[in-house]
Amino acid sequence: MKLFKGSRPSEADFHEAIAARSERWYAACLKITHSPELAEDAVQDALLNAWNKRHQFKYTARLDTWIHRIAINAAIGLLRKQKPGVFHPLEQEPESPDANPEQQRFEEELGQGLAASLSGLSEMERVCFVLKHLEQWRLKEIAEELDTNVDGVKQSVFRAVRKLRAAMPELKSA
């Protein structure tokens, strides 16, 4: 992916980013929403928003990273619109095409265990955990996005990790 200096991304640039990264955006949204339909909606919303706001694109960033961030925000926004307590755990995590069959089985079992365990978290704990540990966001970024403070994010991540370790003993050494 190229960096843009002084020109707004073209339609071809968007197509290139979509071809290269759409599965990654979908997987990230799926981890946040735990709903294939909401994840698809989040990615679609993100692409529409990115295209409509391409004039706001910061030229020091990569287009795919910018869209990824918009997709995460769209997933969080869709979660906020859902009724509290409505949560459907994933039946299966997306597969990694590079892993060998044994590694794929291990990742599938771990993913199913994590998906089931994530359902035991509050929405705030789940979103904070996913953004911090799976998406590698900084605590300050999470706090700003969720309109809360860093201490609240830290507490949510701490509670999430504690609950996940209790629910998944194989993670205790992590």
Protein backbone atom coordinates (compact mmCIF):
# COMPACT_ATOMS: atom_id res chain seq x y z
CA MET A 1 0.00 0.00 0.00
CA LYS A 2 1.24 3.43 -0.85
CA LEU A 3 1.30 6.62 1.15
CA PHE A 4 -0.56 9.54 -0.42
CA LYS A 5 1.13 12.91 -0.57
CA GLY A 6 -1.16 15.79 -1.43
CA SER A 7 -3.80 13.99 -3.50
CA ARG A 8 -6.98 12.32 -2.38
CA PRO A 9 -7.22 8.56 -2.90
CA SER A 10 -8.70 7.51 -6.22
CA GLU A 11 -11.31 4.87 -6.94
CA ALA A 12 -8.50 2.54 -8.04
CA ASP A 13 -6.73 3.12 -4.71
CA PHE A 14 -9.91 2.12 -2.87
CA HIS A 15 -10.30 -1.00 -5.00
CA GLU A 16 -6.68 -1.96 -4.28
CA ALA A 17 -7.19 -1.48 -0.52
CA ILE A 18 -10.43 -3.47 -0.57
CA ALA A 19 -8.83 -6.34 -2.47
CA ALA A 20 -5.87 -6.43 -0.09
CA ARG A 21 -7.51 -5.85 3.28
CA SER A 22 -11.28 -6.36 3.28
CA GLU A 23 -11.02 -9.78 4.95
CA ARG A 24 -8.91 -8.26 7.74
CA TRP A 25 -11.47 -5.47 8.28
CA TYR A 26 -14.28 -8.00 8.38
CA ALA A 27 -12.42 -10.24 10.84
CA ALA A 28 -11.76 -7.29 13.17
CA CYS A 29 -15.40 -6.19 13.04
CA LEU A 30 -16.53 -9.77 13.61
CA LYS A 31 -14.43 -9.98 16.78
CA ILE A 32 -16.08 -6.82 18.09
CA THR A 33 -19.68 -7.43 17.07
CA HIS A 34 -19.79 -11.25 17.22
CA SER A 35 -22.31 -11.07 14.42
CA PRO A 36 -21.48 -11.79 10.78
CA GLU A 37 -24.31 -9.50 9.67
CA LEU A 38 -23.17 -6.61 11.87
CA ALA A 39 -19.56 -7.13 10.80
CA GLU A 40 -20.59 -6.97 7.14
CA ASP A 41 -22.65 -3.85 7.83
CA ALA A 42 -19.73 -2.24 9.67
CA VAL A 43 -17.33 -2.84 6.77
CA GLN A 44 -19.87 -1.59 4.25
CA ASP A 45 -20.56 1.51 6.37
CA ALA A 46 -16.83 2.07 6.73
CA LEU A 47 -16.23 1.91 2.99
CA LEU A 48 -19.09 4.32 2.29
CA ASN A 49 -17.89 6.71 4.98
CA ALA A 50 -14.28 6.49 3.82
CA TRP A 51 -15.27 7.18 0.21
CA ASN A 52 -17.54 10.08 1.16
CA LYS A 53 -14.89 11.56 3.46
CA ARG A 54 -11.84 10.83 1.32
CA HIS A 55 -11.09 14.57 1.30
CA GLN A 56 -10.39 14.22 5.07
CA PHE A 57 -7.82 11.49 4.52
CA LYS A 58 -4.49 12.30 6.22
CA TYR A 59 -1.74 11.88 3.71
CA THR A 60 0.77 10.55 6.24
CA ALA A 61 -1.29 7.39 6.78
CA ARG A 62 -1.95 4.31 4.68
CA LEU A 63 -5.39 4.12 3.11
CA ASP A 64 -6.02 0.57 4.35
CA THR A 65 -5.11 1.56 7.92
CA TRP A 66 -7.44 4.56 7.75
CA ILE A 67 -10.32 2.40 6.49
CA HIS A 68 -9.54 -0.24 9.16
CA ARG A 69 -9.93 2.41 11.84
CA ILE A 70 -13.23 3.59 10.33
CA ALA A 71 -14.47 -0.04 10.23
CA ILE A 72 -13.65 -0.55 13.92
CA ASN A 73 -15.50 2.66 14.76
CA ALA A 74 -18.46 1.53 12.64
CA ALA A 75 -18.57 -1.82 14.48
CA ILE A 76 -18.55 -0.04 17.83
CA GLY A 77 -21.28 2.31 16.61
CA LEU A 78 -23.45 -0.60 15.50
CA LEU A 79 -22.99 -2.26 18.90
CA ARG A 80 -24.14 0.92 20.61
CA LYS A 81 -27.34 0.85 18.56
CA GLN A 82 -28.10 -2.76 19.54
CA LYS A 83 -30.36 -3.48 22.46
CA PRO A 84 -28.42 -4.32 25.64
CA GLY A 85 -27.93 -8.01 26.20
CA VAL A 86 -28.33 -8.97 22.54
CA PHE A 87 -25.25 -11.03 21.77
CA HIS A 88 -24.70 -13.98 19.50
CA PRO A 89 -21.36 -15.76 19.89
CA LEU A 90 -19.47 -16.77 16.78
CA GLU A 91 -19.98 -20.30 15.59
CA GLN A 92 -16.57 -20.35 13.96
CA GLU A 93 -13.59 -17.99 13.76
CA PRO A 94 -12.27 -17.02 10.33
CA GLU A 95 -9.55 -19.42 9.17
CA SER A 96 -5.93 -18.46 8.61
CA PRO A 97 -4.91 -19.59 5.11
CA ASP A 98 -1.20 -19.89 6.02
CA ALA A 99 -1.52 -22.34 8.93
CA ASN A 100 -0.93 -26.09 8.66
CA PRO A 101 -3.89 -28.39 9.51
CA GLU A 102 -2.71 -29.01 13.08
CA GLN A 103 -2.19 -25.28 13.65
CA GLN A 104 -5.60 -24.55 12.08
CA ARG A 105 -7.28 -27.05 14.43
CA PHE A 106 -5.55 -25.51 17.44
CA GLU A 107 -6.51 -21.99 16.34
CA GLU A 108 -10.07 -23.09 15.66
CA GLU A 109 -10.41 -24.64 19.13
CA LEU A 110 -8.80 -21.62 20.75
CA GLY A 111 -11.02 -19.28 18.70
CA GLN A 112 -14.17 -21.18 19.67
CA GLY A 113 -13.14 -21.11 23.31
CA LEU A 114 -12.34 -17.42 23.13
CA ALA A 115 -15.60 -16.63 21.32
CA ALA A 116 -17.59 -18.52 23.94
CA SER A 117 -15.62 -16.91 26.76
CA LEU A 118 -16.04 -13.43 25.28
CA SER A 119 -19.79 -13.90 25.56
CA GLY A 120 -19.35 -13.94 29.34
CA LEU A 121 -17.94 -10.43 29.31
CA SER A 122 -19.89 -7.22 29.48
CA GLU A 123 -20.02 -5.27 26.22
CA MET A 124 -17.54 -2.72 27.60
CA GLU A 125 -15.12 -5.45 28.71
CA ARG A 126 -15.38 -7.25 25.36
CA VAL A 127 -14.85 -4.13 23.25
CA CYS A 128 -11.95 -2.92 25.40
CA PHE A 129 -10.30 -6.36 25.35
CA VAL A 130 -10.66 -6.73 21.56
CA LEU A 131 -9.37 -3.24 20.84
CA LYS A 132 -6.45 -3.54 23.28
CA HIS A 133 -5.28 -7.10 22.76
CA LEU A 134 -6.49 -8.06 19.30
CA GLU A 135 -6.41 -4.72 17.48
CA GLN A 136 -3.44 -3.30 19.42
CA TRP A 137 -5.03 0.07 20.20
CA ARG A 138 -3.52 2.26 22.91
CA LEU A 139 -5.53 2.76 26.10
CA LYS A 140 -5.90 6.46 25.36
CA GLU A 141 -7.28 5.72 21.88
CA ILE A 142 -9.83 3.30 23.32
CA ALA A 143 -10.88 5.79 25.98
CA GLU A 144 -11.34 8.53 23.39
CA GLU A 145 -13.32 6.27 21.06
CA LEU A 146 -15.60 5.00 23.84
CA ASP A 147 -15.94 8.44 25.42
CA THR A 148 -14.58 7.32 28.77
CA ASN A 149 -11.35 7.70 30.71
CA VAL A 150 -8.18 5.63 30.58
CA ASP A 151 -8.72 4.25 34.09
CA GLY A 152 -12.14 2.92 33.08
CA VAL A 153 -10.59 1.22 30.05
CA LYS A 154 -7.82 -0.27 32.20
CA GLN A 155 -10.38 -1.66 34.64
CA SER A 156 -12.47 -3.15 31.82
CA VAL A 157 -9.42 -4.78 30.23
CA PHE A 158 -8.25 -6.10 33.62
CA ARG A 159 -11.70 -7.57 34.39
CA ALA A 160 -11.91 -9.06 30.90
CA VAL A 161 -8.51 -10.73 31.19
CA ARG A 162 -9.33 -12.06 34.65
CA LYS A 163 -12.65 -13.51 33.44
CA LEU A 164 -11.07 -14.98 30.30
CA ARG A 165 -8.30 -16.64 32.31
CA ALA A 166 -10.89 -18.16 34.63
CA ALA A 167 -12.98 -19.36 31.69
CA MET A 168 -9.97 -20.59 29.69
CA PRO A 169 -7.40 -22.22 31.97
CA GLU A 170 -5.10 -22.83 28.98
CA LEU A 171 -4.51 -19.05 28.87
CA LYS A 172 -3.28 -18.78 32.45
CA SER A 173 0.32 -19.04 31.33
CA ALA A 174 -0.18 -16.21 28.82
